[in-house]
Amino acid sequence: MAPFQNLMKVFSEIYQSHMEMVEMAKRKKQVLIDGDIDELAKITQLEARWIKKWGNWKRNERQSLANFLRTEDLSYRNSPCLIY
């Protein structure tokens, strides 16, 4: 896959995961209001898995961005708009 396409794929996956977390947060809010401890435990487990996935996505994002910048002959470290 071309570096730009790969970068866009990673960004899309991160965006989709954010949207899933927004929905999970809404569900969690209602579960807390309802006092459903069993459902809260399930959501907490899902959140823990999501956090692990998030680390992988961020690592992929950095790698994809670095690959893209290399193909465009740009420096990852010297780009003023990229702060990590």
PDB file of N, CA and C in Angstrom:
ATOM      1  N   MET A   1       0.851  -1.174   0.000  1.00  0.00           N
ATOM      2  CA  MET A   1       0.000   0.000   0.000  1.00  0.00           C
ATOM      3  C   MET A   1       0.899   1.240   0.000  1.00  0.00           C
ATOM      4  N   ALA A   2       0.511   2.244  -0.765  1.00  0.00           N
ATOM      5  CA  ALA A   2       1.280   3.487  -0.828  1.00  0.00           C
ATOM      6  C   ALA A   2       1.270   4.173   0.535  1.00  0.00           C
ATOM      7  N   PRO A   3       2.357   4.859   0.881  1.00  0.00           N
ATOM      8  CA  PRO A   3       2.448   5.491   2.204  1.00  0.00           C
ATOM      9  C   PRO A   3       1.281   6.425   2.531  1.00  0.00           C
ATOM     10  N   PHE A   4       0.843   7.230   1.566  1.00  0.00           N
ATOM     11  CA  PHE A   4      -0.270   8.142   1.844  1.00  0.00           C
ATOM     12  C   PHE A   4      -1.556   7.360   2.104  1.00  0.00           C
ATOM     13  N   GLN A   5      -1.805   6.345   1.292  1.00  0.00           N
ATOM     14  CA  GLN A   5      -3.009   5.528   1.480  1.00  0.00           C
ATOM     15  C   GLN A   5      -2.975   4.813   2.827  1.00  0.00           C
ATOM     16  N   ASN A   6      -1.819   4.324   3.196  1.00  0.00           N
ATOM     17  CA  ASN A   6      -1.677   3.653   4.488  1.00  0.00           C
ATOM     18  C   ASN A   6      -1.945   4.633   5.628  1.00  0.00           C
ATOM     19  N   LEU A   7      -1.407   5.838   5.514  1.00  0.00           N
ATOM     20  CA  LEU A   7      -1.629   6.860   6.537  1.00  0.00           C
ATOM     21  C   LEU A   7      -3.117   7.183   6.659  1.00  0.00           C
ATOM     22  N   MET A   8      -3.807   7.323   5.534  1.00  0.00           N
ATOM     23  CA  MET A   8      -5.242   7.618   5.562  1.00  0.00           C
ATOM     24  C   MET A   8      -6.026   6.457   6.169  1.00  0.00           C
ATOM     25  N   LYS A   9      -5.582   5.228   5.910  1.00  0.00           N
ATOM     26  CA  LYS A   9      -6.240   4.054   6.502  1.00  0.00           C
ATOM     27  C   LYS A   9      -6.102   4.086   8.021  1.00  0.00           C
ATOM     28  N   VAL A  10      -4.901   4.403   8.499  1.00  0.00           N
ATOM     29  CA  VAL A  10      -4.665   4.475   9.944  1.00  0.00           C
ATOM     30  C   VAL A  10      -5.514   5.582  10.562  1.00  0.00           C
ATOM     31  N   PHE A  11      -5.542   6.752   9.922  1.00  0.00           N
ATOM     32  CA  PHE A  11      -6.368   7.854  10.436  1.00  0.00           C
ATOM     33  C   PHE A  11      -7.842   7.458  10.479  1.00  0.00           C
ATOM     34  N   SER A  12      -8.286   6.753   9.459  1.00  0.00           N
ATOM     35  CA  SER A  12      -9.681   6.304   9.414  1.00  0.00           C
ATOM     36  C   SER A  12      -9.986   5.339  10.559  1.00  0.00           C
ATOM     37  N   GLU A  13      -9.065   4.423  10.834  1.00  0.00           N
ATOM     38  CA  GLU A  13      -9.253   3.478  11.939  1.00  0.00           C
ATOM     39  C   GLU A  13      -9.295   4.207  13.283  1.00  0.00           C
ATOM     40  N   ILE A  14      -8.440   5.203  13.441  1.00  0.00           N
ATOM     41  CA  ILE A  14      -8.428   5.970  14.685  1.00  0.00           C
ATOM     42  C   ILE A  14      -9.732   6.744  14.837  1.00  0.00           C
ATOM     43  N   TYR A  15     -10.190   7.355  13.753  1.00  0.00           N
ATOM     44  CA  TYR A  15     -11.456   8.095  13.799  1.00  0.00           C
ATOM     45  C   TYR A  15     -12.603   7.153  14.168  1.00  0.00           C
ATOM     46  N   GLN A  16     -12.648   5.998  13.518  1.00  0.00           N
ATOM     47  CA  GLN A  16     -13.714   5.035  13.801  1.00  0.00           C
ATOM     48  C   GLN A  16     -13.672   4.596  15.261  1.00  0.00           C
ATOM     49  N   SER A  17     -12.478   4.390  15.785  1.00  0.00           N
ATOM     50  CA  SER A  17     -12.364   3.979  17.188  1.00  0.00           C
ATOM     51  C   SER A  17     -12.846   5.085  18.119  1.00  0.00           C
ATOM     52  N   HIS A  18     -12.582   6.331  17.750  1.00  0.00           N
ATOM     53  CA  HIS A  18     -13.087   7.445  18.558  1.00  0.00           C
ATOM     54  C   HIS A  18     -14.616   7.440  18.584  1.00  0.00           C
ATOM     55  N   MET A  19     -15.214   7.213  17.430  1.00  0.00           N
ATOM     56  CA  MET A  19     -16.674   7.198  17.359  1.00  0.00           C
ATOM     57  C   MET A  19     -17.244   6.050  18.200  1.00  0.00           C
ATOM     58  N   GLU A  20     -16.569   4.913  18.189  1.00  0.00           N
ATOM     59  CA  GLU A  20     -17.006   3.790  19.017  1.00  0.00           C
ATOM     60  C   GLU A  20     -16.902   4.141  20.500  1.00  0.00           C
ATOM     61  N   MET A  21     -15.849   4.838  20.869  1.00  0.00           N
ATOM     62  CA  MET A  21     -15.691   5.233  22.274  1.00  0.00           C
ATOM     63  C   MET A  21     -16.753   6.248  22.690  1.00  0.00           C
ATOM     64  N   VAL A  22     -17.140   7.128  21.786  1.00  0.00           N
ATOM     65  CA  VAL A  22     -18.212   8.078  22.096  1.00  0.00           C
ATOM     66  C   VAL A  22     -19.497   7.314  22.399  1.00  0.00           C
ATOM     67  N   GLU A  23     -19.801   6.323  21.574  1.00  0.00           N
ATOM     68  CA  GLU A  23     -21.002   5.516  21.807  1.00  0.00           C
ATOM     69  C   GLU A  23     -20.897   4.736  23.113  1.00  0.00           C
ATOM     70  N   MET A  24     -19.705   4.203  23.389  1.00  0.00           N
ATOM     71  CA  MET A  24     -19.514   3.466  24.629  1.00  0.00           C
ATOM     72  C   MET A  24     -19.678   4.396  25.832  1.00  0.00           C
ATOM     73  N   ALA A  25     -19.198   5.617  25.715  1.00  0.00           N
ATOM     74  CA  ALA A  25     -19.329   6.581  26.814  1.00  0.00           C
ATOM     75  C   ALA A  25     -20.798   6.906  27.082  1.00  0.00           C
ATOM     76  N   LYS A  26     -21.578   7.037  26.021  1.00  0.00           N
ATOM     77  CA  LYS A  26     -23.019   7.289  26.192  1.00  0.00           C
ATOM     78  C   LYS A  26     -23.677   6.109  26.908  1.00  0.00           C
ATOM     79  N   ARG A  27     -23.296   4.906  26.464  1.00  0.00           N
ATOM     80  CA  ARG A  27     -23.848   3.697  27.089  1.00  0.00           C
ATOM     81  C   ARG A  27     -23.430   3.615  28.556  1.00  0.00           C
ATOM     82  N   LYS A  28     -22.172   3.922  28.823  1.00  0.00           N
ATOM     83  CA  LYS A  28     -21.660   3.862  30.190  1.00  0.00           C
ATOM     84  C   LYS A  28     -22.380   4.872  31.078  1.00  0.00           C
ATOM     85  N   LYS A  29     -22.636   6.043  30.556  1.00  0.00           N
ATOM     86  CA  LYS A  29     -23.354   7.060  31.328  1.00  0.00           C
ATOM     87  C   LYS A  29     -24.720   6.528  31.754  1.00  0.00           C
ATOM     88  N   GLN A  30     -25.426   5.916  30.812  1.00  0.00           N
ATOM     89  CA  GLN A  30     -26.755   5.391  31.136  1.00  0.00           C
ATOM     90  C   GLN A  30     -26.661   4.238  32.132  1.00  0.00           C
ATOM     91  N   VAL A  31     -25.646   3.405  31.964  1.00  0.00           N
ATOM     92  CA  VAL A  31     -25.441   2.279  32.885  1.00  0.00           C
ATOM     93  C   VAL A  31     -25.185   2.803  34.294  1.00  0.00           C
ATOM     94  N   LEU A  32     -24.390   3.859  34.404  1.00  0.00           N
ATOM     95  CA  LEU A  32     -24.124   4.458  35.716  1.00  0.00           C
ATOM     96  C   LEU A  32     -25.397   5.040  36.322  1.00  0.00           C
ATOM     97  N   ILE A  33     -26.184   5.694  35.491  1.00  0.00           N
ATOM     98  CA  ILE A  33     -27.452   6.262  35.970  1.00  0.00           C
ATOM     99  C   ILE A  33     -28.376   5.153  36.465  1.00  0.00           C
ATOM    100  N   ASP A  34     -28.405   4.051  35.697  1.00  0.00           N
ATOM    101  CA  ASP A  34     -29.278   2.927  36.048  1.00  0.00           C
ATOM    102  C   ASP A  34     -28.725   2.082  37.196  1.00  0.00           C
ATOM    103  N   GLY A  35     -27.439   2.227  37.485  1.00  0.00           N
ATOM    104  CA  GLY A  35     -26.825   1.442  38.556  1.00  0.00           C
ATOM    105  C   GLY A  35     -26.620  -0.019  38.199  1.00  0.00           C
ATOM    106  N   ASP A  36     -26.438  -0.308  36.912  1.00  0.00           N
ATOM    107  CA  ASP A  36     -26.264  -1.688  36.440  1.00  0.00           C
ATOM    108  C   ASP A  36     -24.789  -2.084  36.548  1.00  0.00           C
ATOM    109  N   ILE A  37     -24.424  -2.670  37.663  1.00  0.00           N
ATOM    110  CA  ILE A  37     -23.033  -3.008  37.958  1.00  0.00           C
ATOM    111  C   ILE A  37     -22.483  -4.057  36.994  1.00  0.00           C
ATOM    112  N   ASP A  38     -23.278  -5.053  36.642  1.00  0.00           N
ATOM    113  CA  ASP A  38     -22.810  -6.097  35.721  1.00  0.00           C
ATOM    114  C   ASP A  38     -22.461  -5.509  34.354  1.00  0.00           C
ATOM    115  N   GLU A  39     -23.316  -4.650  33.849  1.00  0.00           N
ATOM    116  CA  GLU A  39     -23.059  -4.017  32.553  1.00  0.00           C
ATOM    117  C   GLU A  39     -21.863  -3.074  32.643  1.00  0.00           C
ATOM    118  N   LEU A  40     -21.715  -2.409  33.764  1.00  0.00           N
ATOM    119  CA  LEU A  40     -20.570  -1.521  33.974  1.00  0.00           C
ATOM    120  C   LEU A  40     -19.262  -2.316  33.923  1.00  0.00           C
ATOM    121  N   ALA A  41     -19.253  -3.503  34.499  1.00  0.00           N
ATOM    122  CA  ALA A  41     -18.060  -4.359  34.464  1.00  0.00           C
ATOM    123  C   ALA A  41     -17.711  -4.745  33.029  1.00  0.00           C
ATOM    124  N   LYS A  42     -18.724  -5.047  32.223  1.00  0.00           N
ATOM    125  CA  LYS A  42     -18.490  -5.393  30.817  1.00  0.00           C
ATOM    126  C   LYS A  42     -17.892  -4.207  30.060  1.00  0.00           C
ATOM    127  N   ILE A  43     -18.444  -3.043  30.294  1.00  0.00           N
ATOM    128  CA  ILE A  43     -17.946  -1.845  29.614  1.00  0.00           C
ATOM    129  C   ILE A  43     -16.507  -1.555  30.027  1.00  0.00           C
ATOM    130  N   THR A  44     -16.209  -1.731  31.294  1.00  0.00           N
ATOM    131  CA  THR A  44     -14.853  -1.495  31.789  1.00  0.00           C
ATOM    132  C   THR A  44     -13.862  -2.442  31.114  1.00  0.00           C
ATOM    133  N   GLN A  45     -14.253  -3.689  30.911  1.00  0.00           N
ATOM    134  CA  GLN A  45     -13.390  -4.643  30.204  1.00  0.00           C
ATOM    135  C   GLN A  45     -13.175  -4.208  28.757  1.00  0.00           C
ATOM    136  N   LEU A  46     -14.238  -3.740  28.113  1.00  0.00           N
ATOM    137  CA  LEU A  46     -14.113  -3.247  26.737  1.00  0.00           C
ATOM    138  C   LEU A  46     -13.174  -2.043  26.670  1.00  0.00           C
ATOM    139  N   GLU A  47     -13.281  -1.172  27.651  1.00  0.00           N
ATOM    140  CA  GLU A  47     -12.403   0.001  27.691  1.00  0.00           C
ATOM    141  C   GLU A  47     -10.942  -0.407  27.833  1.00  0.00           C
ATOM    142  N   ALA A  48     -10.676  -1.406  28.644  1.00  0.00           N
ATOM    143  CA  ALA A  48      -9.298  -1.874  28.830  1.00  0.00           C
ATOM    144  C   ALA A  48      -8.734  -2.417  27.519  1.00  0.00           C
ATOM    145  N   ARG A  49      -9.541  -3.164  26.787  1.00  0.00           N
ATOM    146  CA  ARG A  49      -9.100  -3.676  25.485  1.00  0.00           C
ATOM    147  C   ARG A  49      -8.872  -2.534  24.503  1.00  0.00           C
ATOM    148  N   TRP A  50      -9.761  -1.550  24.553  1.00  0.00           N
ATOM    149  CA  TRP A  50      -9.651  -0.409  23.646  1.00  0.00           C
ATOM    150  C   TRP A  50      -8.353   0.352  23.908  1.00  0.00           C
ATOM    151  N   ILE A  51      -7.978   0.506  25.153  1.00  0.00           N
ATOM    152  CA  ILE A  51      -6.747   1.230  25.499  1.00  0.00           C
ATOM    153  C   ILE A  51      -5.530   0.520  24.905  1.00  0.00           C
ATOM    154  N   LYS A  52      -5.512  -0.799  24.943  1.00  0.00           N
ATOM    155  CA  LYS A  52      -4.405  -1.549  24.341  1.00  0.00           C
ATOM    156  C   LYS A  52      -4.373  -1.325  22.829  1.00  0.00           C
ATOM    157  N   LYS A  53      -5.546  -1.389  22.202  1.00  0.00           N
ATOM    158  CA  LYS A  53      -5.618  -1.160  20.759  1.00  0.00           C
ATOM    159  C   LYS A  53      -5.169   0.258  20.419  1.00  0.00           C
ATOM    160  N   TRP A  54      -5.550   1.205  21.257  1.00  0.00           N
ATOM    161  CA  TRP A  54      -5.202   2.602  21.033  1.00  0.00           C
ATOM    162  C   TRP A  54      -3.686   2.774  20.931  1.00  0.00           C
ATOM    163  N   GLY A  55      -2.949   2.115  21.796  1.00  0.00           N
ATOM    164  CA  GLY A  55      -1.489   2.183  21.741  1.00  0.00           C
ATOM    165  C   GLY A  55      -0.956   1.684  20.410  1.00  0.00           C
ATOM    166  N   ASN A  56      -1.536   0.602  19.903  1.00  0.00           N
ATOM    167  CA  ASN A  56      -1.124   0.078  18.598  1.00  0.00           C
ATOM    168  C   ASN A  56      -1.455   1.055  17.482  1.00  0.00           C
ATOM    169  N   TRP A  57      -2.648   1.659  17.527  1.00  0.00           N
ATOM    170  CA  TRP A  57      -3.023   2.626  16.491  1.00  0.00           C
ATOM    171  C   TRP A  57      -2.085   3.822  16.485  1.00  0.00           C
ATOM    172  N   LYS A  58      -1.756   4.311  17.670  1.00  0.00           N
ATOM    173  CA  LYS A  58      -0.865   5.473  17.742  1.00  0.00           C
ATOM    174  C   LYS A  58       0.525   5.121  17.218  1.00  0.00           C
ATOM    175  N   ARG A  59       0.993   3.927  17.518  1.00  0.00           N
ATOM    176  CA  ARG A  59       2.292   3.491  17.008  1.00  0.00           C
ATOM    177  C   ARG A  59       2.234   3.391  15.480  1.00  0.00           C
ATOM    178  N   ASN A  60       1.155   2.807  14.954  1.00  0.00           N
ATOM    179  CA  ASN A  60       0.980   2.714  13.502  1.00  0.00           C
ATOM    180  C   ASN A  60       0.882   4.094  12.875  1.00  0.00           C
ATOM    181  N   GLU A  61       0.211   5.003  13.568  1.00  0.00           N
ATOM    182  CA  GLU A  61       0.083   6.363  13.047  1.00  0.00           C
ATOM    183  C   GLU A  61       1.463   7.001  12.898  1.00  0.00           C
ATOM    184  N   ARG A  62       2.281   6.910  13.923  1.00  0.00           N
ATOM    185  CA  ARG A  62       3.625   7.500  13.866  1.00  0.00           C
ATOM    186  C   ARG A  62       4.464   6.858  12.764  1.00  0.00           C
ATOM    187  N   GLN A  63       4.401   5.533  12.653  1.00  0.00           N
ATOM    188  CA  GLN A  63       5.172   4.843  11.617  1.00  0.00           C
ATOM    189  C   GLN A  63       4.686   5.226  10.222  1.00  0.00           C
ATOM    190  N   SER A  64       3.377   5.265  10.035  1.00  0.00           N
ATOM    191  CA  SER A  64       2.813   5.613   8.734  1.00  0.00           C
ATOM    192  C   SER A  64       3.143   7.048   8.363  1.00  0.00           C
ATOM    193  N   LEU A  65       3.065   7.932   9.339  1.00  0.00           N
ATOM    194  CA  LEU A  65       3.388   9.330   9.086  1.00  0.00           C
ATOM    195  C   LEU A  65       4.858   9.483   8.723  1.00  0.00           C
ATOM    196  N   ALA A  66       5.730   8.811   9.440  1.00  0.00           N
ATOM    197  CA  ALA A  66       7.160   8.877   9.136  1.00  0.00           C
ATOM    198  C   ALA A  66       7.441   8.326   7.741  1.00  0.00           C
ATOM    199  N   ASN A  67       6.798   7.216   7.370  1.00  0.00           N
ATOM    200  CA  ASN A  67       6.976   6.649   6.029  1.00  0.00           C
ATOM    201  C   ASN A  67       6.498   7.613   4.957  1.00  0.00           C
ATOM    202  N   PHE A  68       5.343   8.210   5.177  1.00  0.00           N
ATOM    203  CA  PHE A  68       4.809   9.167   4.208  1.00  0.00           C
ATOM    204  C   PHE A  68       5.750  10.355   4.043  1.00  0.00           C
ATOM    205  N   LEU A  69       6.210  10.912   5.154  1.00  0.00           N
ATOM    206  CA  LEU A  69       7.103  12.068   5.077  1.00  0.00           C
ATOM    207  C   LEU A  69       8.411  11.707   4.377  1.00  0.00           C
ATOM    208  N   ARG A  70       8.897  10.494   4.602  1.00  0.00           N
ATOM    209  CA  ARG A  70      10.115  10.053   3.913  1.00  0.00           C
ATOM    210  C   ARG A  70       9.900  10.006   2.409  1.00  0.00           C
ATOM    211  N   THR A  71       8.745   9.500   1.975  1.00  0.00           N
ATOM    212  CA  THR A  71       8.480   9.409   0.532  1.00  0.00           C
ATOM    213  C   THR A  71       8.325  10.789  -0.091  1.00  0.00           C
ATOM    214  N   GLU A  72       7.912  11.760   0.701  1.00  0.00           N
ATOM    215  CA  GLU A  72       7.756  13.134   0.204  1.00  0.00           C
ATOM    216  C   GLU A  72       9.019  13.958   0.436  1.00  0.00           C
ATOM    217  N   ASP A  73      10.072  13.312   0.903  1.00  0.00           N
ATOM    218  CA  ASP A  73      11.353  13.957   1.195  1.00  0.00           C
ATOM    219  C   ASP A  73      11.187  15.085   2.212  1.00  0.00           C
ATOM    220  N   LEU A  74      10.398  14.814   3.223  1.00  0.00           N
ATOM    221  CA  LEU A  74      10.186  15.761   4.314  1.00  0.00           C
ATOM    222  C   LEU A  74      10.748  15.166   5.592  1.00  0.00           C
ATOM    223  N   SER A  75      11.124  16.015   6.488  1.00  0.00           N
ATOM    224  CA  SER A  75      11.683  15.550   7.748  1.00  0.00           C
ATOM    225  C   SER A  75      10.600  15.503   8.811  1.00  0.00           C
ATOM    226  N   TYR A  76      10.463  14.372   9.446  1.00  0.00           N
ATOM    227  CA  TYR A  76       9.488  14.202  10.528  1.00  0.00           C
ATOM    228  C   TYR A  76       9.836  15.094  11.712  1.00  0.00           C
ATOM    229  N   ARG A  77      11.085  15.153  12.061  1.00  0.00           N
ATOM    230  CA  ARG A  77      11.506  15.914  13.239  1.00  0.00           C
ATOM    231  C   ARG A  77      11.503  17.422  13.015  1.00  0.00           C
ATOM    232  N   ASN A  78      11.680  17.855  11.772  1.00  0.00           N
ATOM    233  CA  ASN A  78      11.788  19.285  11.498  1.00  0.00           C
ATOM    234  C   ASN A  78      10.482  19.924  11.049  1.00  0.00           C
ATOM    235  N   SER A  79       9.423  19.158  10.990  1.00  0.00           N
ATOM    236  CA  SER A  79       8.149  19.711  10.553  1.00  0.00           C
ATOM    237  C   SER A  79       7.519  20.511  11.692  1.00  0.00           C
ATOM    238  N   PRO A  80       7.258  21.807  11.478  1.00  0.00           N
ATOM    239  CA  PRO A  80       6.736  22.645  12.564  1.00  0.00           C
ATOM    240  C   PRO A  80       5.316  22.288  12.994  1.00  0.00           C
ATOM    241  N   CYS A  81       4.569  21.597  12.139  1.00  0.00           N
ATOM    242  CA  CYS A  81       3.174  21.304  12.488  1.00  0.00           C
ATOM    243  C   CYS A  81       3.009  19.934  13.137  1.00  0.00           C
ATOM    244  N   LEU A  82       4.085  19.188  13.286  1.00  0.00           N
ATOM    245  CA  LEU A  82       3.993  17.851  13.868  1.00  0.00           C
ATOM    246  C   LEU A  82       4.661  17.837  15.223  1.00  0.00           C
ATOM    247  N   ILE A  83       3.857  17.817  16.243  1.00  0.00           N
ATOM    248  CA  ILE A  83       4.394  17.818  17.600  1.00  0.00           C
ATOM    249  C   ILE A  83       3.993  16.524  18.274  1.00  0.00           C
ATOM    250  N   TYR A  84       4.968  15.751  18.694  1.00  0.00           N
ATOM    251  CA  TYR A  84       4.716  14.508  19.426  1.00  0.00           C
ATOM    252  C   TYR A  84       5.541  14.513  20.651  1.00  0.00           C
TER     253      TYR A  84
END
